[in-house]
Protein backbone atom coordinates (compact mmCIF):
# COMPACT_ATOMS: atom_id res chain seq x y z
CA MET A 1 119.47 -24.95 65.26
CA PRO A 2 117.50 -27.96 63.97
CA TYR A 3 114.52 -27.40 61.72
CA VAL A 4 112.23 -30.39 61.14
CA ASN A 5 109.40 -30.23 58.60
CA VAL A 6 106.70 -32.88 58.86
CA ARG A 7 104.11 -33.21 56.09
CA ILE A 8 100.98 -35.16 56.80
CA ALA A 9 97.59 -35.56 55.18
CA ALA A 10 95.02 -33.09 56.50
CA ASP A 11 92.48 -35.62 57.61
CA GLY A 12 91.33 -34.87 61.10
CA ASN A 13 94.55 -34.63 63.09
CA THR A 14 93.84 -32.83 66.36
CA ALA A 15 95.86 -29.98 67.84
CA ALA A 16 96.71 -32.28 70.77
CA GLN A 17 98.06 -34.97 68.43
CA LYS A 18 100.18 -32.47 66.54
CA LEU A 19 101.52 -31.00 69.77
CA ARG A 20 102.54 -34.48 70.91
CA VAL A 21 104.38 -35.03 67.59
CA ILE A 22 106.22 -31.73 68.08
CA GLU A 23 107.14 -32.66 71.67
CA ARG A 24 108.39 -36.12 70.74
CA ILE A 25 110.43 -35.00 67.73
CA THR A 26 112.02 -32.30 69.87
CA GLN A 27 112.79 -34.86 72.58
CA VAL A 28 114.46 -37.21 70.09
CA LEU A 29 116.74 -34.38 68.92
CA VAL A 30 117.61 -33.55 72.55
CA GLU A 31 118.28 -37.17 73.54
CA GLU A 32 120.02 -38.44 70.40
CA LEU A 33 121.86 -35.37 69.13
CA GLY A 34 122.17 -33.22 72.25
CA LYS A 35 120.26 -30.35 70.63
CA ASP A 36 118.90 -27.45 72.65
CA PRO A 37 115.09 -27.46 72.60
CA ALA A 38 115.11 -23.65 72.68
CA GLY A 39 116.72 -23.66 69.24
CA THR A 40 114.71 -26.52 67.76
CA PHE A 41 111.89 -25.83 65.33
CA VAL A 42 109.29 -28.39 64.25
CA VAL A 43 106.79 -27.39 61.57
CA ILE A 44 103.83 -29.56 60.65
CA ASP A 45 102.33 -28.97 57.20
CA GLU A 46 98.92 -30.50 56.66
CA VAL A 47 98.30 -31.19 53.00
CA SER A 48 94.85 -31.71 51.52
CA THR A 49 94.50 -35.21 50.10
CA ASP A 50 93.42 -33.52 46.85
CA ASN A 51 96.94 -32.08 46.68
CA TRP A 52 98.80 -35.26 47.65
CA GLY A 53 99.48 -37.67 44.83
CA HIS A 54 100.44 -41.34 44.82
CA TYR A 55 100.42 -43.91 42.02
CA GLY A 56 99.63 -41.17 39.53
CA THR A 57 96.41 -39.97 41.19
CA SER A 58 95.29 -38.07 44.28
CA VAL A 59 95.05 -39.68 47.70
CA THR A 60 91.40 -38.54 47.77
CA LYS A 61 90.63 -40.70 44.72
CA LEU A 62 92.69 -43.63 46.02
CA ARG A 63 90.81 -43.60 49.32
CA ALA A 64 87.43 -43.34 47.57
CA ALA A 65 88.28 -46.31 45.35
CA ALA A 66 89.46 -48.35 48.34
CA ALA A 67 86.28 -47.53 50.26
CA ALA A 68 84.12 -48.51 47.28
CA ALA A 69 85.96 -51.82 46.99
CA LYS A 70 85.30 -52.59 50.68
CA ALA A 71 81.65 -51.45 50.72
CA PRO A 72 79.02 -54.20 50.61
CA ALA A 73 77.14 -54.55 47.33
CA LYS A 74 73.97 -52.42 47.28
CA LYS A 75 71.97 -54.82 45.13
CA ALA A 76 72.02 -58.57 45.15
CA GLY A 77 74.47 -59.95 42.63
CA LYS A 78 76.23 -56.63 42.15
CA LEU A 79 79.88 -56.52 43.14
CA PRO A 80 81.58 -53.36 44.42
CA ALA A 81 83.82 -51.43 42.08
CA ALA A 82 87.46 -52.42 42.24
CA VAL A 83 90.36 -50.05 42.64
CA PRO A 84 91.19 -48.95 39.09
CA GLU A 85 94.39 -50.33 37.64
CA LYS A 86 96.97 -47.61 37.19
CA ALA A 87 98.72 -47.02 33.91
CA PRO A 88 102.49 -47.25 34.18
CA ILE A 89 104.21 -43.94 34.72
CA LYS A 90 105.99 -42.87 31.54
CA ARG A 91 109.65 -42.10 31.88
CA GLY A 92 111.88 -40.12 29.56
CA ALA A 93 113.83 -41.91 26.84
CA ALA A 94 117.16 -43.32 27.93
CA ARG A 95 120.11 -41.19 26.99
CA ALA A 96 123.14 -42.53 25.23
CA GLY A 97 126.06 -42.21 27.57
């Protein structure tokens, strides 16, 4: 009884697109692993980009910064804001082995 969980950003995916993903994932399990589609479950979780982090910030902020960097300057001589440089992620101190 396969259970497949797909997490995607909630940014305008249609019901038809999600149904096609479910159909195709199910078909792969049937063709490649010989699984019974009647016992196959595919769950799609759509996550708000405010709740999805990458590079130490939210995807919402990353996309806004990327859009600002691509937008044409509003005033002559003014350059668009660049994507902010990310501070390195701090890791715990190494343990003596």
